[in-house]
Each structure stands twice: as structure tokens, then as C-alpha cells.
Amino acid sequence: MARSGNMDVQEHVFLLRDEKYASFQAKLIPTVAAERIVGVRTPLLREMAKTMVKDGVSESFTATLPHRYFEEDQLHAFILSLIKDFELCLCEVERFLPYVDNWATCDQMSPGCFVKNKGRLLDRIRQWIGSPHEYTVRFAINMLMRHFLDKDFRVEYNDIVAGVRREEYYVQMVQAWYFATALAKQYDETLPYLENRCLNQWTHNKTIQKAIESFRVNTGQKEYLKTLRWK
């Protein structure tokens, strides 16, 4: 793309439209009105984001919020994920988060620069986790799951996620996803959170379901997890 206006971005998005795919996506993302979904496949949007960054037109696009279409939000998330400067990226992520209204945009925003700045990222995660905004909390848990369950893991991170008391489906779902992943990577340190029922019943059982479905949890662990189901 050589032009920078948001209308030009919309025009390009519509050139990539697949109406059948739009109908399919609308079922997967019920929090977004169907008329806001154009129907563009993710690989095409990722390539479009890369081209916009390369052509130097991404900043003018991300400067204007809110966007009209779901695909524009996706483009925004992919562009932010490409920012290399941590402080700039963090600033732009925080400016965008209040406008995120669905799990897909939330989950697909994963800045590469966060990997080398985990200390500063963790400080901000602690702030996001207490946000009144559903998808900011989901994003915070996502970042803990992606960056802090391997060599940088500490049990206190499980405490942070277990301490979230929210009724929203997409927050509880990511909590279950986090704990299922934690069981796969840090089983001994995570198991007590199920044995002691530290999560609400729905999240507890969803965690066990996801862990049982995971190929990273061994057969013996799965059999024991089945006995912990909350009936």
C-alpha cells in the first residue's frame, strides 16, 4: 500500500473480502456485530500490516481510533506486534487496549519486543490485571501465559491469575487456558490450585478439560486430574 488514509485501508481490506469467511468468523466472534466483519483471512492481514509498516503508513493508520471494522482492529494489533521499541510499543498497546472488544484481536496482539523486556512488562501486567476492562485483563493473563511459564516462572504468577475474580466468559476462559498451560509446564507447582479449589467451579473444570485435551500433559497426570473434577 502506498497511500496512508484510513479510507484507503478500508478499500484495500474490502478488496480481500471473502463473504463466506465473514459468516464463519461472525459465529466465532459473537461480541463483534456481524456488519463490522468484512471477512479477510488472518495471513492476508498480517502481510498487509507488514507492508504498511514497510511503506511507512502504519502510524497514520494507528493514530486514529476507534476503527470501524474488525479487520482494522486486527491490522492495528498486528502493526503493534511489529514495533521494536519497547517503550513506544507499550504506549501504543495501552492506547489501543480500551478499544479491544473481542478475544481474537486481544489474543493475536503479541509484540515481539516484550520478550527482551520481561521485567518492565511484568510491572505493567500487574496494573492491567486490575483493569475494569474485560479484554485488558485477558491480555494481561495472556502475557503471563506466553512469557512467564517457562524459565521465568514463579508461583506468585499463579496467585495473580487465581486472584482474578471476574464474571466475564472471556476472562474465565483465559484463566482456564493459563492454568491448563501451567499444568503442562509447571505441573507440581500448579496442581495445588486445583486440589485446593482456588478457582471458581466453572474455571476449575474447564482447566481440567483443557489439560486432559493437551498432548503436553502425560497419561498419569490426566487420570489424576479427572478425579479432581468439581461436581
C-alpha atoms as a PDB file:
ATOM      1  CA  MET A   1       0.000   0.000   0.000  1.00  0.00           C
ATOM      2  CA  ALA A   2       1.328   3.438  -0.877  1.00  0.00           C
ATOM      3  CA  ARG A   3      -1.499   5.584   0.487  1.00  0.00           C
ATOM      4  CA  SER A   4      -1.980   6.337   4.168  1.00  0.00           C
ATOM      5  CA  GLY A   5      -5.606   7.375   4.707  1.00  0.00           C
ATOM      6  CA  ASN A   6      -7.856   5.099   6.753  1.00  0.00           C
ATOM      7  CA  MET A   7     -10.379   5.064   3.911  1.00  0.00           C
ATOM      8  CA  ASP A   8      -7.646   3.700   1.642  1.00  0.00           C
ATOM      9  CA  VAL A   9      -7.006   0.960   4.215  1.00  0.00           C
ATOM     10  CA  GLN A  10     -10.707   0.107   4.247  1.00  0.00           C
ATOM     11  CA  GLU A  11     -10.774  -0.044   0.462  1.00  0.00           C
ATOM     12  CA  HIS A  12      -7.826  -2.453   0.460  1.00  0.00           C
ATOM     13  CA  VAL A  13      -9.452  -4.587   3.155  1.00  0.00           C
ATOM     14  CA  PHE A  14     -12.630  -4.897   1.075  1.00  0.00           C
ATOM     15  CA  LEU A  15     -10.606  -5.981  -1.941  1.00  0.00           C
ATOM     16  CA  LEU A  16      -9.546  -9.009   0.119  1.00  0.00           C
ATOM     17  CA  ARG A  17     -13.080  -9.818   1.245  1.00  0.00           C
ATOM     18  CA  ASP A  18     -14.425 -13.373   1.436  1.00  0.00           C
ATOM     19  CA  GLU A  19     -18.118 -13.239   2.337  1.00  0.00           C
ATOM     20  CA  LYS A  20     -18.358 -16.907   3.296  1.00  0.00           C
ATOM     21  CA  TYR A  21     -15.413 -16.447   5.626  1.00  0.00           C
ATOM     22  CA  ALA A  22     -17.122 -13.371   7.112  1.00  0.00           C
ATOM     23  CA  SER A  23     -20.148 -15.506   8.023  1.00  0.00           C
ATOM     24  CA  PHE A  24     -17.865 -18.118   9.564  1.00  0.00           C
ATOM     25  CA  GLN A  25     -15.992 -15.511  11.608  1.00  0.00           C
ATOM     26  CA  ALA A  26     -19.181 -13.872  12.851  1.00  0.00           C
ATOM     27  CA  LYS A  27     -20.086 -17.139  14.581  1.00  0.00           C
ATOM     28  CA  LEU A  28     -16.675 -17.379  16.245  1.00  0.00           C
ATOM     29  CA  ILE A  29     -16.598 -13.780  17.459  1.00  0.00           C
ATOM     30  CA  PRO A  30     -20.082 -13.069  18.853  1.00  0.00           C
ATOM     31  CA  THR A  31     -19.063  -9.853  20.643  1.00  0.00           C
ATOM     32  CA  VAL A  32     -18.491  -8.137  17.281  1.00  0.00           C
ATOM     33  CA  ALA A  33     -21.528  -7.099  15.238  1.00  0.00           C
ATOM     34  CA  ALA A  34     -21.692  -9.103  12.001  1.00  0.00           C
ATOM     35  CA  GLU A  35     -21.808  -5.941   9.893  1.00  0.00           C
ATOM     36  CA  ARG A  36     -18.391  -4.984  11.239  1.00  0.00           C
ATOM     37  CA  ILE A  37     -16.784  -8.170   9.928  1.00  0.00           C
ATOM     38  CA  VAL A  38     -15.568  -7.909   6.338  1.00  0.00           C
ATOM     39  CA  GLY A  39     -14.162 -11.423   6.061  1.00  0.00           C
ATOM     40  CA  VAL A  40     -10.403 -11.299   5.467  1.00  0.00           C
ATOM     41  CA  ARG A  41      -8.180 -14.210   6.413  1.00  0.00           C
ATOM     42  CA  THR A  42      -5.522 -13.627   9.046  1.00  0.00           C
ATOM     43  CA  PRO A  43      -2.431 -14.352   6.861  1.00  0.00           C
ATOM     44  CA  LEU A  44      -3.557 -11.661   4.423  1.00  0.00           C
ATOM     45  CA  LEU A  45      -4.000  -9.140   7.223  1.00  0.00           C
ATOM     46  CA  ARG A  46      -0.575  -9.984   8.647  1.00  0.00           C
ATOM     47  CA  GLU A  47       1.022  -9.384   5.256  1.00  0.00           C
ATOM     48  CA  MET A  48      -0.911  -6.155   4.893  1.00  0.00           C
ATOM     49  CA  ALA A  49       0.351  -4.994   8.304  1.00  0.00           C
ATOM     50  CA  LYS A  50       3.946  -5.761   7.318  1.00  0.00           C
ATOM     51  CA  THR A  51       3.539  -3.825   4.073  1.00  0.00           C
ATOM     52  CA  MET A  52       2.039  -0.833   5.889  1.00  0.00           C
ATOM     53  CA  VAL A  53       4.978  -0.763   8.309  1.00  0.00           C
ATOM     54  CA  LYS A  54       7.479  -1.133   5.469  1.00  0.00           C
ATOM     55  CA  ASP A  55       5.817   1.648   3.448  1.00  0.00           C
ATOM     56  CA  GLY A  56       5.740   3.979   6.455  1.00  0.00           C
ATOM     57  CA  VAL A  57       1.966   4.391   6.505  1.00  0.00           C
ATOM     58  CA  SER A  58       1.154   2.393   9.643  1.00  0.00           C
ATOM     59  CA  GLU A  59       1.497   5.283  12.112  1.00  0.00           C
ATOM     60  CA  SER A  60      -1.136   7.420  10.420  1.00  0.00           C
ATOM     61  CA  PHE A  61      -3.497   4.438  10.487  1.00  0.00           C
ATOM     62  CA  THR A  62      -2.976   3.566  14.164  1.00  0.00           C
ATOM     63  CA  ALA A  63      -3.225   7.226  15.197  1.00  0.00           C
ATOM     64  CA  THR A  64      -6.995   7.216  14.624  1.00  0.00           C
ATOM     65  CA  LEU A  65      -9.275   5.293  16.967  1.00  0.00           C
ATOM     66  CA  PRO A  66     -11.768   3.726  17.102  1.00  0.00           C
ATOM     67  CA  HIS A  67     -11.800   1.743  13.878  1.00  0.00           C
ATOM     68  CA  ARG A  68     -14.994   0.851  12.065  1.00  0.00           C
ATOM     69  CA  TYR A  69     -14.257  -2.741  11.071  1.00  0.00           C
ATOM     70  CA  PHE A  70     -12.982  -5.798  12.906  1.00  0.00           C
ATOM     71  CA  GLU A  71     -10.250  -6.270  10.292  1.00  0.00           C
ATOM     72  CA  GLU A  72      -8.963  -2.774  11.023  1.00  0.00           C
ATOM     73  CA  ASP A  73      -8.642  -3.729  14.684  1.00  0.00           C
ATOM     74  CA  GLN A  74      -6.782  -6.844  13.602  1.00  0.00           C
ATOM     75  CA  LEU A  75      -4.439  -4.782  11.433  1.00  0.00           C
ATOM     76  CA  HIS A  76      -3.841  -2.462  14.366  1.00  0.00           C
ATOM     77  CA  ALA A  77      -2.942  -5.401  16.610  1.00  0.00           C
ATOM     78  CA  PHE A  78      -0.571  -6.862  14.010  1.00  0.00           C
ATOM     79  CA  ILE A  79       1.122  -3.496  13.453  1.00  0.00           C
ATOM     80  CA  LEU A  80       1.699  -3.040  17.190  1.00  0.00           C
ATOM     81  CA  SER A  81       3.142  -6.542  17.353  1.00  0.00           C
ATOM     82  CA  LEU A  82       5.842  -5.420  14.888  1.00  0.00           C
ATOM     83  CA  ILE A  83       7.037  -2.375  16.860  1.00  0.00           C
ATOM     84  CA  LYS A  84      10.618  -2.953  18.016  1.00  0.00           C
ATOM     85  CA  ASP A  85      10.973  -0.128  20.543  1.00  0.00           C
ATOM     86  CA  PHE A  86       9.590  -1.367  23.858  1.00  0.00           C
ATOM     87  CA  GLU A  87       8.532   1.966  25.350  1.00  0.00           C
ATOM     88  CA  LEU A  88       6.807   3.059  22.159  1.00  0.00           C
ATOM     89  CA  CYS A  89       5.114  -0.316  21.825  1.00  0.00           C
ATOM     90  CA  LEU A  90       3.925  -0.271  25.417  1.00  0.00           C
ATOM     91  CA  CYS A  91       2.496   3.214  24.969  1.00  0.00           C
ATOM     92  CA  GLU A  92       0.679   2.211  21.788  1.00  0.00           C
ATOM     93  CA  VAL A  93      -0.636  -1.029  23.291  1.00  0.00           C
ATOM     94  CA  GLU A  94      -2.084   0.857  26.251  1.00  0.00           C
ATOM     95  CA  ARG A  95      -3.695   3.388  23.934  1.00  0.00           C
ATOM     96  CA  PHE A  96      -5.301   0.582  21.917  1.00  0.00           C
ATOM     97  CA  LEU A  97      -6.405  -1.799  24.676  1.00  0.00           C
ATOM     98  CA  PRO A  98      -9.556   0.149  25.702  1.00  0.00           C
ATOM     99  CA  TYR A  99     -10.863  -0.297  22.144  1.00  0.00           C
ATOM    100  CA  VAL A 100     -10.332  -4.068  22.002  1.00  0.00           C
ATOM    101  CA  ASP A 101     -13.752  -5.707  22.067  1.00  0.00           C
ATOM    102  CA  ASN A 102     -13.129  -9.340  21.179  1.00  0.00           C
ATOM    103  CA  TRP A 103     -10.941 -12.318  22.024  1.00  0.00           C
ATOM    104  CA  ALA A 104      -9.324 -12.598  18.574  1.00  0.00           C
ATOM    105  CA  THR A 105      -7.839  -9.113  18.463  1.00  0.00           C
ATOM    106  CA  CYS A 106      -6.798  -9.464  22.100  1.00  0.00           C
ATOM    107  CA  ASP A 107      -5.078 -12.812  21.618  1.00  0.00           C
ATOM    108  CA  GLN A 108      -3.380 -12.006  18.325  1.00  0.00           C
ATOM    109  CA  MET A 109      -1.649  -8.917  19.693  1.00  0.00           C
ATOM    110  CA  SER A 110       1.728 -10.249  20.798  1.00  0.00           C
ATOM    111  CA  PRO A 111       4.580  -7.734  20.470  1.00  0.00           C
ATOM    112  CA  GLY A 112       7.935  -9.363  19.832  1.00  0.00           C
ATOM    113  CA  CYS A 113       9.768  -6.663  21.782  1.00  0.00           C
ATOM    114  CA  PHE A 114       8.117  -7.869  25.007  1.00  0.00           C
ATOM    115  CA  VAL A 115      10.374 -10.943  25.021  1.00  0.00           C
ATOM    116  CA  LYS A 116      13.507  -8.952  25.866  1.00  0.00           C
ATOM    117  CA  ASN A 117      11.823  -6.622  28.350  1.00  0.00           C
ATOM    118  CA  LYS A 118      10.114  -9.021  30.728  1.00  0.00           C
ATOM    119  CA  GLY A 119      10.918  -7.110  33.895  1.00  0.00           C
ATOM    120  CA  ARG A 120       9.247  -3.935  32.711  1.00  0.00           C
ATOM    121  CA  LEU A 121       6.458  -5.937  31.105  1.00  0.00           C
ATOM    122  CA  LEU A 122       5.681  -7.676  34.393  1.00  0.00           C
ATOM    123  CA  ASP A 123       5.231  -4.343  36.151  1.00  0.00           C
ATOM    124  CA  ARG A 124       2.641  -3.338  33.573  1.00  0.00           C
ATOM    125  CA  ILE A 125       0.892  -6.739  33.688  1.00  0.00           C
ATOM    126  CA  ARG A 126       0.302  -6.199  37.397  1.00  0.00           C
ATOM    127  CA  GLN A 127      -1.512  -2.975  36.527  1.00  0.00           C
ATOM    128  CA  TRP A 128      -3.519  -4.421  33.630  1.00  0.00           C
ATOM    129  CA  ILE A 129      -4.752  -7.331  35.733  1.00  0.00           C
ATOM    130  CA  GLY A 130      -6.760  -4.901  37.855  1.00  0.00           C
ATOM    131  CA  SER A 131      -8.343  -3.063  34.940  1.00  0.00           C
ATOM    132  CA  PRO A 132     -12.144  -2.758  34.783  1.00  0.00           C
ATOM    133  CA  HIS A 133     -11.896  -3.534  31.046  1.00  0.00           C
ATOM    134  CA  GLU A 134     -12.500  -7.205  30.232  1.00  0.00           C
ATOM    135  CA  TYR A 135     -10.016  -7.553  27.385  1.00  0.00           C
ATOM    136  CA  THR A 136      -7.247  -5.657  29.161  1.00  0.00           C
ATOM    137  CA  VAL A 137      -7.441  -8.289  31.900  1.00  0.00           C
ATOM    138  CA  ARG A 138      -7.491 -11.050  29.291  1.00  0.00           C
ATOM    139  CA  PHE A 139      -4.444  -9.504  27.602  1.00  0.00           C
ATOM    140  CA  ALA A 140      -2.583  -9.375  30.934  1.00  0.00           C
ATOM    141  CA  ILE A 141      -3.227 -13.074  31.601  1.00  0.00           C
ATOM    142  CA  ASN A 142      -2.235 -13.874  28.031  1.00  0.00           C
ATOM    143  CA  MET A 143       1.090 -12.105  28.514  1.00  0.00           C
ATOM    144  CA  LEU A 144       1.773 -14.026  31.728  1.00  0.00           C
ATOM    145  CA  MET A 145       0.967 -17.280  29.957  1.00  0.00           C
ATOM    146  CA  ARG A 146       3.153 -16.544  26.943  1.00  0.00           C
ATOM    147  CA  HIS A 147       6.182 -15.084  28.688  1.00  0.00           C
ATOM    148  CA  PHE A 148       6.302 -16.323  32.283  1.00  0.00           C
ATOM    149  CA  LEU A 149       5.533 -20.049  32.392  1.00  0.00           C
ATOM    150  CA  ASP A 150       8.960 -21.303  31.365  1.00  0.00           C
ATOM    151  CA  LYS A 151      12.352 -20.372  32.830  1.00  0.00           C
ATOM    152  CA  ASP A 152      10.986 -17.123  34.293  1.00  0.00           C
ATOM    153  CA  PHE A 153       8.150 -18.847  36.135  1.00  0.00           C
ATOM    154  CA  ARG A 154       7.331 -18.051  39.751  1.00  0.00           C
ATOM    155  CA  VAL A 155       4.461 -19.486  41.773  1.00  0.00           C
ATOM    156  CA  GLU A 156       3.265 -15.962  42.501  1.00  0.00           C
ATOM    157  CA  TYR A 157       2.158 -15.688  38.868  1.00  0.00           C
ATOM    158  CA  ASN A 158      -0.338 -18.473  39.516  1.00  0.00           C
ATOM    159  CA  ASP A 159      -1.524 -16.472  42.510  1.00  0.00           C
ATOM    160  CA  ILE A 160      -2.038 -13.415  40.322  1.00  0.00           C
ATOM    161  CA  VAL A 161      -4.238 -15.296  37.855  1.00  0.00           C
ATOM    162  CA  ALA A 162      -6.108 -17.250  40.531  1.00  0.00           C
ATOM    163  CA  GLY A 163      -6.819 -13.973  42.299  1.00  0.00           C
ATOM    164  CA  VAL A 164      -8.807 -12.588  39.382  1.00  0.00           C
ATOM    165  CA  ARG A 165     -12.482 -12.690  40.284  1.00  0.00           C
ATOM    166  CA  ARG A 166     -14.432 -11.769  37.181  1.00  0.00           C
ATOM    167  CA  GLU A 167     -17.716 -12.986  35.740  1.00  0.00           C
ATOM    168  CA  GLU A 168     -16.899 -12.377  32.062  1.00  0.00           C
ATOM    169  CA  TYR A 169     -16.690 -15.540  29.956  1.00  0.00           C
ATOM    170  CA  TYR A 170     -13.580 -14.468  28.048  1.00  0.00           C
ATOM    171  CA  VAL A 171     -11.694 -13.701  31.252  1.00  0.00           C
ATOM    172  CA  GLN A 172     -12.604 -17.013  32.871  1.00  0.00           C
ATOM    173  CA  MET A 173     -11.722 -18.856  29.675  1.00  0.00           C
ATOM    174  CA  VAL A 174      -8.222 -17.381  29.552  1.00  0.00           C
ATOM    175  CA  GLN A 175      -7.771 -18.199  33.240  1.00  0.00           C
ATOM    176  CA  ALA A 176      -8.540 -21.840  32.419  1.00  0.00           C
ATOM    177  CA  TRP A 177      -6.209 -21.684  29.430  1.00  0.00           C
ATOM    178  CA  TYR A 178      -3.471 -20.236  31.619  1.00  0.00           C
ATOM    179  CA  PHE A 179      -3.792 -22.943  34.294  1.00  0.00           C
ATOM    180  CA  ALA A 180      -4.002 -25.763  31.748  1.00  0.00           C
ATOM    181  CA  THR A 181      -0.780 -24.450  30.188  1.00  0.00           C
ATOM    182  CA  ALA A 182       0.766 -24.079  33.636  1.00  0.00           C
ATOM    183  CA  LEU A 183      -0.079 -27.721  34.360  1.00  0.00           C
ATOM    184  CA  ALA A 184       1.724 -28.701  31.163  1.00  0.00           C
ATOM    185  CA  LYS A 185       4.815 -26.662  32.011  1.00  0.00           C
ATOM    186  CA  GLN A 186       4.869 -26.393  35.811  1.00  0.00           C
ATOM    187  CA  TYR A 187       2.732 -29.322  36.940  1.00  0.00           C
ATOM    188  CA  ASP A 188       3.899 -29.769  40.541  1.00  0.00           C
ATOM    189  CA  GLU A 189       3.652 -26.056  41.341  1.00  0.00           C
ATOM    190  CA  THR A 190       0.243 -25.698  39.690  1.00  0.00           C
ATOM    191  CA  LEU A 191      -1.584 -28.845  40.808  1.00  0.00           C
ATOM    192  CA  PRO A 192      -2.374 -27.493  44.329  1.00  0.00           C
ATOM    193  CA  TYR A 193      -4.530 -24.758  42.789  1.00  0.00           C
ATOM    194  CA  LEU A 194      -6.904 -27.495  41.645  1.00  0.00           C
ATOM    195  CA  GLU A 195      -6.528 -29.730  44.676  1.00  0.00           C
ATOM    196  CA  ASN A 196      -7.416 -26.765  46.906  1.00  0.00           C
ATOM    197  CA  ARG A 197     -10.087 -25.409  44.568  1.00  0.00           C
ATOM    198  CA  CYS A 198      -8.566 -21.953  44.243  1.00  0.00           C
ATOM    199  CA  LEU A 199     -10.608 -21.180  41.118  1.00  0.00           C
ATOM    200  CA  ASN A 200     -14.367 -20.938  40.700  1.00  0.00           C
ATOM    201  CA  GLN A 201     -16.144 -24.146  39.717  1.00  0.00           C
ATOM    202  CA  TRP A 202     -16.524 -23.367  36.014  1.00  0.00           C
ATOM    203  CA  THR A 203     -12.893 -22.282  35.557  1.00  0.00           C
ATOM    204  CA  HIS A 204     -11.674 -25.219  37.650  1.00  0.00           C
ATOM    205  CA  ASN A 205     -13.486 -27.766  35.472  1.00  0.00           C
ATOM    206  CA  LYS A 206     -12.582 -26.007  32.226  1.00  0.00           C
ATOM    207  CA  THR A 207      -8.916 -26.085  33.273  1.00  0.00           C
ATOM    208  CA  ILE A 208      -9.103 -29.845  33.783  1.00  0.00           C
ATOM    209  CA  GLN A 209     -10.862 -30.298  30.451  1.00  0.00           C
ATOM    210  CA  LYS A 210      -8.189 -28.320  28.601  1.00  0.00           C
ATOM    211  CA  ALA A 211      -5.364 -30.122  30.399  1.00  0.00           C
ATOM    212  CA  ILE A 212      -6.833 -33.526  29.544  1.00  0.00           C
ATOM    213  CA  GLU A 213      -7.039 -32.467  25.893  1.00  0.00           C
ATOM    214  CA  SER A 214      -3.380 -31.374  25.902  1.00  0.00           C
ATOM    215  CA  PHE A 215      -0.682 -33.629  24.477  1.00  0.00           C
ATOM    216  CA  ARG A 216       1.789 -31.969  26.868  1.00  0.00           C
ATOM    217  CA  VAL A 217       0.153 -33.499  29.956  1.00  0.00           C
ATOM    218  CA  ASN A 218       1.004 -37.184  30.416  1.00  0.00           C
ATOM    219  CA  THR A 219      -1.491 -40.006  30.835  1.00  0.00           C
ATOM    220  CA  GLY A 220      -0.918 -40.469  34.559  1.00  0.00           C
ATOM    221  CA  GLN A 221      -1.403 -36.772  35.211  1.00  0.00           C
ATOM    222  CA  LYS A 222      -4.590 -36.743  33.158  1.00  0.00           C
ATOM    223  CA  GLU A 223      -6.051 -39.673  35.097  1.00  0.00           C
ATOM    224  CA  TYR A 224      -5.405 -37.901  38.385  1.00  0.00           C
ATOM    225  CA  LEU A 225      -6.829 -34.618  37.087  1.00  0.00           C
ATOM    226  CA  LYS A 226     -10.053 -36.427  36.216  1.00  0.00           C
ATOM    227  CA  THR A 227     -10.508 -37.286  39.908  1.00  0.00           C
ATOM    228  CA  LEU A 228     -10.335 -33.563  40.762  1.00  0.00           C
ATOM    229  CA  ARG A 229     -13.391 -32.575  38.742  1.00  0.00           C
ATOM    230  CA  TRP A 230     -15.708 -30.372  40.768  1.00  0.00           C
ATOM    231  CA  LYS A 231     -19.215 -31.890  40.669  1.00  0.00           C
END
